[in-house]
C-alpha atoms as a PDB file:
ATOM      1  CA  UNK A   1      97.100 110.931  81.186  1.00  0.00           C
ATOM      2  CA  UNK A   2      96.997 107.599  79.327  1.00  0.00           C
ATOM      3  CA  UNK A   3      96.690 109.533  75.982  1.00  0.00           C
ATOM      4  CA  UNK A   4      99.920 111.409  76.740  1.00  0.00           C
ATOM      5  CA  UNK A   5     103.169 109.863  75.531  1.00  0.00           C
ATOM      6  CA  UNK A   6     104.780 107.484  78.068  1.00  0.00           C
ATOM      7  CA  UNK A   7     107.999 109.469  78.246  1.00  0.00           C
ATOM      8  CA  UNK A   8     106.113 112.660  79.032  1.00  0.00           C
ATOM      9  CA  UNK A   9     104.028 111.047  81.655  1.00  0.00           C
ATOM     10  CA  UNK A  10     107.066 109.424  83.266  1.00  0.00           C
ATOM     11  CA  UNK A  11     108.910 112.748  83.492  1.00  0.00           C
ATOM     12  CA  UNK A  12     105.963 114.527  85.003  1.00  0.00           C
ATOM     13  CA  UNK A  13     105.278 111.941  87.695  1.00  0.00           C
ATOM     14  CA  UNK A  14     108.933 111.395  88.581  1.00  0.00           C
ATOM     15  CA  UNK A  15     109.357 115.186  89.015  1.00  0.00           C
ATOM     16  CA  UNK A  16     106.330 115.366  91.302  1.00  0.00           C
ATOM     17  CA  UNK A  17     107.359 112.305  93.378  1.00  0.00           C
ATOM     18  CA  UNK A  18     110.940 113.524  93.659  1.00  0.00           C
ATOM     19  CA  UNK A  19     110.088 117.082  94.756  1.00  0.00           C
ATOM     20  CA  UNK A  20     107.402 115.933  97.148  1.00  0.00           C
ATOM     21  CA  UNK A  21     109.932 113.699  98.876  1.00  0.00           C
ATOM     22  CA  UNK A  22     112.921 116.080  98.786  1.00  0.00           C
ATOM     23  CA  UNK A  23     111.358 119.462  99.658  1.00  0.00           C
ATOM     24  CA  UNK A  24     110.845 119.251 103.394  1.00  0.00           C
ATOM     25  CA  UNK A  25     108.332 122.102 103.583  1.00  0.00           C
ATOM     26  CA  UNK A  26     104.815 121.681 104.945  1.00  0.00           C
ATOM     27  CA  UNK A  27     103.326 124.105 102.437  1.00  0.00           C
ATOM     28  CA  UNK A  28     104.690 122.136  99.484  1.00  0.00           C
ATOM     29  CA  UNK A  29     103.659 118.872 101.073  1.00  0.00           C
ATOM     30  CA  UNK A  30     100.113 120.205 101.501  1.00  0.00           C
ATOM     31  CA  UNK A  31      99.945 121.447  97.917  1.00  0.00           C
ATOM     32  CA  UNK A  32     101.213 118.134  96.692  1.00  0.00           C
ATOM     33  CA  UNK A  33      98.717 116.161  98.771  1.00  0.00           C
ATOM     34  CA  UNK A  34      95.736 118.187  97.523  1.00  0.00           C
ATOM     35  CA  UNK A  35      96.618 117.799  93.849  1.00  0.00           C
ATOM     36  CA  UNK A  36      97.698 114.152  94.323  1.00  0.00           C
ATOM     37  CA  UNK A  37      94.275 113.322  95.745  1.00  0.00           C
ATOM     38  CA  UNK A  38      92.614 115.186  92.876  1.00  0.00           C
ATOM     39  CA  UNK A  39      94.726 113.372  90.285  1.00  0.00           C
ATOM     40  CA  UNK A  40      94.076 109.951  91.934  1.00  0.00           C
ATOM     41  CA  UNK A  41      90.322 110.557  92.097  1.00  0.00           C
ATOM     42  CA  UNK A  42      90.213 111.611  88.425  1.00  0.00           C
ATOM     43  CA  UNK A  43      92.084 108.444  87.394  1.00  0.00           C
ATOM     44  CA  UNK A  44      90.715 105.782  89.756  1.00  0.00           C
ATOM     45  CA  UNK A  45      87.618 107.297  91.375  1.00  0.00           C
ATOM     46  CA  UNK A  46      86.487 105.897  94.701  1.00  0.00           C
ATOM     47  CA  UNK A  47      89.249 103.293  94.711  1.00  0.00           C
ATOM     48  CA  UNK A  48      91.739 106.036  95.334  1.00  0.00           C
ATOM     49  CA  UNK A  49      89.773 107.336  98.342  1.00  0.00           C
ATOM     50  CA  UNK A  50      89.679 103.859  99.775  1.00  0.00           C
ATOM     51  CA  UNK A  51      93.462 103.622  99.459  1.00  0.00           C
ATOM     52  CA  UNK A  52      93.725 106.938 101.204  1.00  0.00           C
ATOM     53  CA  UNK A  53      91.685 105.734 104.170  1.00  0.00           C
ATOM     54  CA  UNK A  54      93.933 102.629 104.486  1.00  0.00           C
ATOM     55  CA  UNK A  55      97.044 104.840 104.579  1.00  0.00           C
ATOM     56  CA  UNK A  56      95.805 107.332 107.145  1.00  0.00           C
ATOM     57  CA  UNK A  57      96.291 105.064 110.197  1.00  0.00           C
ATOM     58  CA  UNK A  58      99.926 104.449 109.240  1.00  0.00           C
ATOM     59  CA  UNK A  59     100.499 108.200 108.946  1.00  0.00           C
ATOM     60  CA  UNK A  60      98.847 108.804 112.364  1.00  0.00           C
ATOM     61  CA  UNK A  61     101.106 106.188 113.841  1.00  0.00           C
ATOM     62  CA  UNK A  62     104.183 107.943 112.430  1.00  0.00           C
ATOM     63  CA  UNK A  63     102.928 111.210 114.020  1.00  0.00           C
ATOM     64  CA  UNK A  64     102.547 109.528 117.413  1.00  0.00           C
ATOM     65  CA  UNK A  65     106.032 107.902 117.189  1.00  0.00           C
ATOM     66  CA  UNK A  66     107.616 111.243 116.332  1.00  0.00           C
ATOM     67  CA  UNK A  67     105.880 113.015 119.152  1.00  0.00           C
ATOM     68  CA  UNK A  68     106.778 110.461 121.775  1.00  0.00           C
ATOM     69  CA  UNK A  69     110.407 109.803 120.844  1.00  0.00           C
ATOM     70  CA  UNK A  70     111.646 113.189 119.559  1.00  0.00           C
ATOM     71  CA  UNK A  71     112.149 115.622 122.436  1.00  0.00           C
ATOM     72  CA  UNK A  72     113.676 118.452 120.435  1.00  0.00           C
ATOM     73  CA  UNK A  73     111.965 121.861 120.345  1.00  0.00           C
ATOM     74  CA  UNK A  74     111.466 124.719 122.757  1.00  0.00           C
ATOM     75  CA  UNK A  75     107.657 124.863 122.982  1.00  0.00           C
ATOM     76  CA  UNK A  76     106.728 122.241 125.520  1.00  0.00           C
ATOM     77  CA  UNK A  77     103.094 121.133 125.366  1.00  0.00           C
ATOM     78  CA  UNK A  78     103.088 118.375 127.895  1.00  0.00           C
ATOM     79  CA  UNK A  79     105.617 116.490 130.068  1.00  0.00           C
ATOM     80  CA  UNK A  80     105.183 112.696 130.355  1.00  0.00           C
ATOM     81  CA  UNK A  81     105.599 110.921 133.696  1.00  0.00           C
ATOM     82  CA  UNK A  82     108.975 109.582 132.519  1.00  0.00           C
ATOM     83  CA  UNK A  83     110.293 113.118 132.003  1.00  0.00           C
ATOM     84  CA  UNK A  84     110.033 113.210 128.187  1.00  0.00           C
ATOM     85  CA  UNK A  85     108.628 116.429 126.778  1.00  0.00           C
ATOM     86  CA  UNK A  86     105.987 116.574 124.024  1.00  0.00           C
ATOM     87  CA  UNK A  87     106.887 119.673 121.980  1.00  0.00           C
ATOM     88  CA  UNK A  88     104.860 121.569 119.389  1.00  0.00           C
ATOM     89  CA  UNK A  89     107.767 121.403 116.993  1.00  0.00           C
ATOM     90  CA  UNK A  90     107.875 117.597 117.144  1.00  0.00           C
ATOM     91  CA  UNK A  91     104.078 117.470 116.630  1.00  0.00           C
ATOM     92  CA  UNK A  92     104.144 119.736 113.595  1.00  0.00           C
ATOM     93  CA  UNK A  93     107.204 117.844 112.194  1.00  0.00           C
ATOM     94  CA  UNK A  94     105.302 114.573 112.489  1.00  0.00           C
ATOM     95  CA  UNK A  95     102.222 116.023 110.815  1.00  0.00           C
ATOM     96  CA  UNK A  96     104.341 117.404 108.024  1.00  0.00           C
ATOM     97  CA  UNK A  97     105.952 114.049 107.436  1.00  0.00           C
ATOM     98  CA  UNK A  98     102.552 112.303 107.480  1.00  0.00           C
ATOM     99  CA  UNK A  99     101.222 114.754 104.848  1.00  0.00           C
ATOM    100  CA  UNK A 100     104.234 114.112 102.710  1.00  0.00           C
ATOM    101  CA  UNK A 101     103.722 110.274 102.986  1.00  0.00           C
ATOM    102  CA  UNK A 102     100.035 110.633 102.026  1.00  0.00           C
ATOM    103  CA  UNK A 103     100.997 112.796  98.994  1.00  0.00           C
ATOM    104  CA  UNK A 104     103.520 110.314  97.793  1.00  0.00           C
ATOM    105  CA  UNK A 105     101.020 107.444  98.254  1.00  0.00           C
ATOM    106  CA  UNK A 106      98.452 109.185  96.190  1.00  0.00           C
ATOM    107  CA  UNK A 107     100.896 110.138  93.414  1.00  0.00           C
ATOM    108  CA  UNK A 108     101.932 106.530  93.230  1.00  0.00           C
ATOM    109  CA  UNK A 109      98.296 105.553  92.812  1.00  0.00           C
ATOM    110  CA  UNK A 110      97.988 107.774  89.730  1.00  0.00           C
ATOM    111  CA  UNK A 111     101.420 106.679  88.486  1.00  0.00           C
ATOM    112  CA  UNK A 112     100.532 102.954  88.694  1.00  0.00           C
ATOM    113  CA  UNK A 113      97.312 103.640  86.690  1.00  0.00           C
ATOM    114  CA  UNK A 114      98.866 105.811  83.956  1.00  0.00           C
ATOM    115  CA  UNK A 115     102.205 103.964  83.605  1.00  0.00           C
ATOM    116  CA  UNK A 116     100.971 100.532  82.825  1.00  0.00           C
ATOM    117  CA  UNK A 117     103.298  97.532  82.300  1.00  0.00           C
ATOM    118  CA  UNK A 118     103.183  97.954  78.489  1.00  0.00           C
ATOM    119  CA  UNK A 119     104.113 101.653  78.662  1.00  0.00           C
ATOM    120  CA  UNK A 120     107.053 100.867  81.011  1.00  0.00           C
ATOM    121  CA  UNK A 121     108.289  98.195  78.596  1.00  0.00           C
ATOM    122  CA  UNK A 122     107.977 100.610  75.702  1.00  0.00           C
ATOM    123  CA  UNK A 123     110.253 103.170  77.449  1.00  0.00           C
ATOM    124  CA  UNK A 124     112.968 100.935  79.014  1.00  0.00           C
ATOM    125  CA  UNK A 125     113.071  97.709  77.006  1.00  0.00           C
ATOM    126  CA  UNK A 126     115.287  99.174  74.268  1.00  0.00           C
ATOM    127  CA  UNK A 127     118.220 100.100  76.549  1.00  0.00           C
ATOM    128  CA  UNK A 128     117.380  98.374  79.897  1.00  0.00           C
ATOM    129  CA  UNK A 129     115.353  95.214  79.169  1.00  0.00           C
ATOM    130  CA  UNK A 130     115.946  93.628  82.571  1.00  0.00           C
ATOM    131  CA  UNK A 131     114.914  96.778  84.418  1.00  0.00           C
ATOM    132  CA  UNK A 132     111.823  97.192  82.213  1.00  0.00           C
ATOM    133  CA  UNK A 133     110.777  93.556  82.864  1.00  0.00           C
ATOM    134  CA  UNK A 134     111.333  93.984  86.607  1.00  0.00           C
ATOM    135  CA  UNK A 135     109.278  97.214  86.798  1.00  0.00           C
ATOM    136  CA  UNK A 136     106.453  95.878  84.662  1.00  0.00           C
ATOM    137  CA  UNK A 137     106.192  92.701  86.685  1.00  0.00           C
ATOM    138  CA  UNK A 138     106.157  94.759  89.880  1.00  0.00           C
ATOM    139  CA  UNK A 139     103.360  96.950  88.633  1.00  0.00           C
ATOM    140  CA  UNK A 140     101.312  93.891  87.844  1.00  0.00           C
ATOM    141  CA  UNK A 141     102.194  91.998  91.003  1.00  0.00           C
ATOM    142  CA  UNK A 142     100.808  94.478  93.581  1.00  0.00           C
ATOM    143  CA  UNK A 143      97.222  94.631  92.251  1.00  0.00           C
ATOM    144  CA  UNK A 144      97.417  90.971  91.299  1.00  0.00           C
ATOM    145  CA  UNK A 145      98.350  89.938  94.839  1.00  0.00           C
ATOM    146  CA  UNK A 146      95.365  91.859  96.203  1.00  0.00           C
ATOM    147  CA  UNK A 147      92.971  90.126  93.834  1.00  0.00           C
ATOM    148  CA  UNK A 148      94.479  86.718  94.461  1.00  0.00           C
ATOM    149  CA  UNK A 149      94.273  87.263  98.262  1.00  0.00           C
ATOM    150  CA  UNK A 150      90.562  88.202  97.995  1.00  0.00           C
ATOM    151  CA  UNK A 151      89.677  85.204  95.838  1.00  0.00           C
ATOM    152  CA  UNK A 152      91.666  82.804  98.047  1.00  0.00           C
ATOM    153  CA  UNK A 153      89.955  84.288 101.158  1.00  0.00           C
ATOM    154  CA  UNK A 154      86.539  83.614  99.597  1.00  0.00           C
ATOM    155  CA  UNK A 155      87.518  79.994  98.967  1.00  0.00           C
ATOM    156  CA  UNK A 156      88.703  79.591 102.538  1.00  0.00           C
ATOM    157  CA  UNK A 157      85.424  81.170 103.761  1.00  0.00           C
ATOM    158  CA  UNK A 158      83.544  78.379 101.821  1.00  0.00           C
ATOM    159  CA  UNK A 159      85.716  75.868 103.655  1.00  0.00           C
ATOM    160  CA  UNK A 160      84.664  77.397 106.994  1.00  0.00           C
ATOM    161  CA  UNK A 161      87.942  79.325 107.545  1.00  0.00           C
ATOM    162  CA  UNK A 162      86.787  82.890 107.556  1.00  0.00           C
ATOM    163  CA  UNK A 163      89.246  85.729 108.205  1.00  0.00           C
ATOM    164  CA  UNK A 164      86.439  88.139 109.085  1.00  0.00           C
ATOM    165  CA  UNK A 165      84.621  86.257 111.870  1.00  0.00           C
ATOM    166  CA  UNK A 166      85.682  83.993 114.707  1.00  0.00           C
ATOM    167  CA  UNK A 167      88.534  84.128 117.205  1.00  0.00           C
ATOM    168  CA  UNK A 168      91.275  86.602 116.565  1.00  0.00           C
ATOM    169  CA  UNK A 169      94.023  83.894 116.771  1.00  0.00           C
ATOM    170  CA  UNK A 170      92.305  81.744 114.120  1.00  0.00           C
ATOM    171  CA  UNK A 171      91.683  84.725 111.815  1.00  0.00           C
ATOM    172  CA  UNK A 172      95.336  85.673 112.006  1.00  0.00           C
ATOM    173  CA  UNK A 173      96.380  82.006 111.335  1.00  0.00           C
ATOM    174  CA  UNK A 174      94.028  81.755 108.311  1.00  0.00           C
ATOM    175  CA  UNK A 175      95.328  85.147 106.980  1.00  0.00           C
ATOM    176  CA  UNK A 176      98.946  83.960 107.250  1.00  0.00           C
ATOM    177  CA  UNK A 177      97.999  80.695 105.549  1.00  0.00           C
ATOM    178  CA  UNK A 178      96.264  82.555 102.706  1.00  0.00           C
ATOM    179  CA  UNK A 179      99.116  85.027 102.252  1.00  0.00           C
ATOM    180  CA  UNK A 180     101.658  82.186 102.157  1.00  0.00           C
ATOM    181  CA  UNK A 181      99.655  80.403  99.447  1.00  0.00           C
ATOM    182  CA  UNK A 182      99.269  83.578  97.383  1.00  0.00           C
ATOM    183  CA  UNK A 183     102.952  84.474  97.656  1.00  0.00           C
ATOM    184  CA  UNK A 184     103.966  80.968  96.556  1.00  0.00           C
ATOM    185  CA  UNK A 185     101.666  81.211  93.588  1.00  0.00           C
ATOM    186  CA  UNK A 186     103.133  84.564  92.496  1.00  0.00           C
ATOM    187  CA  UNK A 187     106.699  83.370  92.954  1.00  0.00           C
ATOM    188  CA  UNK A 188     105.900  80.478  90.597  1.00  0.00           C
ATOM    189  CA  UNK A 189     104.223  82.911  88.118  1.00  0.00           C
ATOM    190  CA  UNK A 190     107.214  85.273  88.220  1.00  0.00           C
ATOM    191  CA  UNK A 191     109.688  82.429  87.642  1.00  0.00           C
ATOM    192  CA  UNK A 192     107.554  81.086  84.758  1.00  0.00           C
ATOM    193  CA  UNK A 193     107.409  84.523  83.129  1.00  0.00           C
ATOM    194  CA  UNK A 194     111.147  85.088  83.497  1.00  0.00           C
ATOM    195  CA  UNK A 195     112.044  81.696  82.016  1.00  0.00           C
ATOM    196  CA  UNK A 196     109.549  82.251  79.179  1.00  0.00           C
ATOM    197  CA  UNK A 197     111.029  85.677  78.327  1.00  0.00           C
ATOM    198  CA  UNK A 198     114.520  84.282  78.471  1.00  0.00           C
ATOM    199  CA  UNK A 199     113.671  81.367  76.164  1.00  0.00           C
ATOM    200  CA  UNK A 200     112.127  83.828  73.656  1.00  0.00           C
ATOM    201  CA  UNK A 201     115.411  85.738  73.596  1.00  0.00           C
ATOM    202  CA  UNK A 202     114.189  88.789  75.497  1.00  0.00           C
ATOM    203  CA  UNK A 203     117.015  91.281  76.093  1.00  0.00           C
ATOM    204  CA  UNK A 204     119.531  89.617  73.706  1.00  0.00           C
ATOM    205  CA  UNK A 205     118.824  92.108  70.929  1.00  0.00           C
ATOM    206  CA  UNK A 206     117.347  95.628  70.645  1.00  0.00           C
ATOM    207  CA  UNK A 207     113.607  95.239  71.195  1.00  0.00           C
ATOM    208  CA  UNK A 208     111.246  96.423  68.450  1.00  0.00           C
ATOM    209  CA  UNK A 209     107.875  97.594  69.713  1.00  0.00           C
ATOM    210  CA  UNK A 210     104.818  96.228  68.011  1.00  0.00           C
ATOM    211  CA  UNK A 211     103.143  99.578  68.377  1.00  0.00           C
ATOM    212  CA  UNK A 212     105.062 102.809  67.951  1.00  0.00           C
ATOM    213  CA  UNK A 213     103.745 105.779  69.879  1.00  0.00           C
ATOM    214  CA  UNK A 214     104.451 109.096  68.238  1.00  0.00           C
ATOM    215  CA  UNK A 215     105.088 112.281  70.140  1.00  0.00           C
ATOM    216  CA  UNK A 216     102.437 114.890  69.396  1.00  0.00           C
ATOM    217  CA  UNK A 217     102.952 118.673  69.753  1.00  0.00           C
ATOM    218  CA  UNK A 218     100.976 118.446  73.083  1.00  0.00           C
ATOM    219  CA  UNK A 219     103.431 115.816  74.326  1.00  0.00           C
ATOM    220  CA  UNK A 220     106.453 118.008  73.384  1.00  0.00           C
ATOM    221  CA  UNK A 221     104.885 121.019  75.022  1.00  0.00           C
ATOM    222  CA  UNK A 222     104.113 119.208  78.265  1.00  0.00           C
ATOM    223  CA  UNK A 223     107.604 117.581  78.316  1.00  0.00           C
ATOM    224  CA  UNK A 224     109.367 120.881  77.796  1.00  0.00           C
ATOM    225  CA  UNK A 225     107.162 122.664  80.382  1.00  0.00           C
ATOM    226  CA  UNK A 226     107.653 119.981  83.000  1.00  0.00           C
ATOM    227  CA  UNK A 227     111.457 120.027  82.492  1.00  0.00           C
ATOM    228  CA  UNK A 228     111.507 123.838  82.670  1.00  0.00           C
ATOM    229  CA  UNK A 229     109.438 123.868  85.838  1.00  0.00           C
ATOM    230  CA  UNK A 230     111.491 121.105  87.426  1.00  0.00           C
ATOM    231  CA  UNK A 231     114.798 122.825  86.493  1.00  0.00           C
ATOM    232  CA  UNK A 232     113.513 126.148  87.995  1.00  0.00           C
ATOM    233  CA  UNK A 233     112.408 124.484  91.155  1.00  0.00           C
ATOM    234  CA  UNK A 234     115.670 122.548  91.521  1.00  0.00           C
ATOM    235  CA  UNK A 235     117.724 125.793  91.114  1.00  0.00           C
ATOM    236  CA  UNK A 236     115.656 127.595  93.769  1.00  0.00           C
ATOM    237  CA  UNK A 237     115.953 124.616  96.092  1.00  0.00           C
ATOM    238  CA  UNK A 238     119.756 124.397  95.663  1.00  0.00           C
ATOM    239  CA  UNK A 239     120.119 128.103  96.299  1.00  0.00           C
ATOM    240  CA  UNK A 240     118.613 127.532  99.817  1.00  0.00           C
ATOM    241  CA  UNK A 241     115.406 129.547  99.338  1.00  0.00           C
ATOM    242  CA  UNK A 242     113.150 126.709 100.418  1.00  0.00           C
ATOM    243  CA  UNK A 243     114.647 126.157 103.861  1.00  0.00           C
ATOM    244  CA  UNK A 244     112.265 125.070 106.576  1.00  0.00           C
ATOM    245  CA  UNK A 245     113.462 124.036 109.980  1.00  0.00           C
ATOM    246  CA  UNK A 246     111.373 122.653 112.888  1.00  0.00           C
ATOM    247  CA  UNK A 247     114.157 122.535 115.475  1.00  0.00           C
ATOM    248  CA  UNK A 248     114.873 124.028 117.907  1.00  0.00           C
ATOM    249  CA  UNK A 249     112.191 126.431 116.731  1.00  0.00           C
ATOM    250  CA  UNK A 250     110.201 126.883 113.512  1.00  0.00           C
ATOM    251  CA  UNK A 251     112.028 128.965 110.992  1.00  0.00           C
ATOM    252  CA  UNK A 252     111.430 129.089 107.218  1.00  0.00           C
ATOM    253  CA  UNK A 253     111.719 131.061 103.986  1.00  0.00           C
ATOM    254  CA  UNK A 254     108.852 131.239 101.476  1.00  0.00           C
ATOM    255  CA  UNK A 255     109.659 131.956  97.885  1.00  0.00           C
ATOM    256  CA  UNK A 256     106.565 133.019  95.911  1.00  0.00           C
ATOM    257  CA  UNK A 257     107.991 131.979  92.533  1.00  0.00           C
ATOM    258  CA  UNK A 258     108.847 128.405  93.805  1.00  0.00           C
ATOM    259  CA  UNK A 259     105.216 128.045  95.178  1.00  0.00           C
ATOM    260  CA  UNK A 260     103.727 129.110  91.740  1.00  0.00           C
ATOM    261  CA  UNK A 261     106.094 126.823  89.865  1.00  0.00           C
ATOM    262  CA  UNK A 262     105.211 123.824  92.041  1.00  0.00           C
ATOM    263  CA  UNK A 263     101.508 124.604  91.745  1.00  0.00           C
ATOM    264  CA  UNK A 264     101.737 124.572  87.944  1.00  0.00           C
ATOM    265  CA  UNK A 265     103.757 121.322  88.024  1.00  0.00           C
ATOM    266  CA  UNK A 266     101.104 119.673  90.221  1.00  0.00           C
ATOM    267  CA  UNK A 267      98.349 120.964  87.923  1.00  0.00           C
ATOM    268  CA  UNK A 268      99.715 119.242  84.843  1.00  0.00           C
ATOM    269  CA  UNK A 269      98.413 115.655  85.558  1.00  0.00           C
ATOM    270  CA  UNK A 270      95.141 116.979  86.846  1.00  0.00           C
ATOM    271  CA  UNK A 271      94.452 119.155  83.772  1.00  0.00           C
ATOM    272  CA  UNK A 272      95.456 116.526  81.325  1.00  0.00           C
ATOM    273  CA  UNK A 273      93.290 113.919  83.016  1.00  0.00           C
ATOM    274  CA  UNK A 274      90.358 116.304  83.196  1.00  0.00           C
ATOM    275  CA  UNK A 275      90.742 117.169  79.552  1.00  0.00           C
ATOM    276  CA  UNK A 276      90.816 113.458  78.706  1.00  0.00           C
ATOM    277  CA  UNK A 277      87.547 112.867  80.672  1.00  0.00           C
ATOM    278  CA  UNK A 278      85.826 115.754  78.877  1.00  0.00           C
ATOM    279  CA  UNK A 279      86.904 114.418  75.464  1.00  0.00           C
ATOM    280  CA  UNK A 280      85.692 110.936  76.369  1.00  0.00           C
ATOM    281  CA  UNK A 281      82.279 112.315  77.456  1.00  0.00           C
ATOM    282  CA  UNK A 282      81.935 114.246  74.184  1.00  0.00           C
ATOM    283  CA  UNK A 283      82.767 111.111  72.188  1.00  0.00           C
ATOM    284  CA  UNK A 284      80.261 109.177  74.200  1.00  0.00           C
ATOM    285  CA  UNK A 285      77.545 111.762  73.568  1.00  0.00           C
ATOM    286  CA  UNK A 286      78.348 111.751  69.848  1.00  0.00           C
ATOM    287  CA  UNK A 287      78.095 107.938  69.669  1.00  0.00           C
ATOM    288  CA  UNK A 288      74.784 107.980  71.520  1.00  0.00           C
ATOM    289  CA  UNK A 289      73.517 110.688  69.210  1.00  0.00           C
ATOM    290  CA  UNK A 290      74.530 108.698  66.133  1.00  0.00           C
ATOM    291  CA  UNK A 291      72.937 105.507  67.515  1.00  0.00           C
ATOM    292  CA  UNK A 292      69.675 107.333  68.228  1.00  0.00           C
ATOM    293  CA  UNK A 293      69.724 108.879  64.716  1.00  0.00           C
ATOM    294  CA  UNK A 294      70.307 105.398  63.177  1.00  0.00           C
END
């Protein structure tokens, strides 16, 4: 979606993230997760799947915590020695929450790829320069911290301080030492960037972008479509037609229109990214053909 206008991309992703978090319905969470994984794989490939694998243990932990500490529900599966009941409703509630978390995580992976720091500055710098600078620095910090940690860990390994081998206590101590060094480095970088932007007069006047991005008919169509779908889904949700309750027993209402609307909304980033990949492949084939002809 990087060829789509930043405003259109922002509206689509914010709508998906918001409705994934707000609609507490397992069906919608599952739909969101499927399309979020598809979008993340289209944008970042195998890196997205690695991120998914890292997030799964956290979600499993949340399911276990919910099952052990929530005793609500009428369908008892097992009674612990202490007298606490493990109920089917608590288990399904924990799984639903875990699916929602995974969906949000995968949407944020696509969002961080599409909405680069420059695109965020382009949108917010004219009316909220401080917020734009904060968001752009945050988007750069997360992957930057990961890269800095890996490079610093490699240097420590050359010094004989490996975080992969040896005693667990030493590995933890080395990891904390590396993390402390990396965080100090990025605090200094952030302070330097903030002072540099302040000295250049950033935020004192209305910012003029060096590159103006024009809205194409496709951008307007996608923006209007996403706003229409989001508005329809919001009206249905406010009217109470998406109710789903786990306790004391599972009860729900399924609205076919809302499911179709949410499906189309989730499809937007996937279709646009797939279309972009096809166009890039066609351009590559044309360039290769021209090079062979020359």
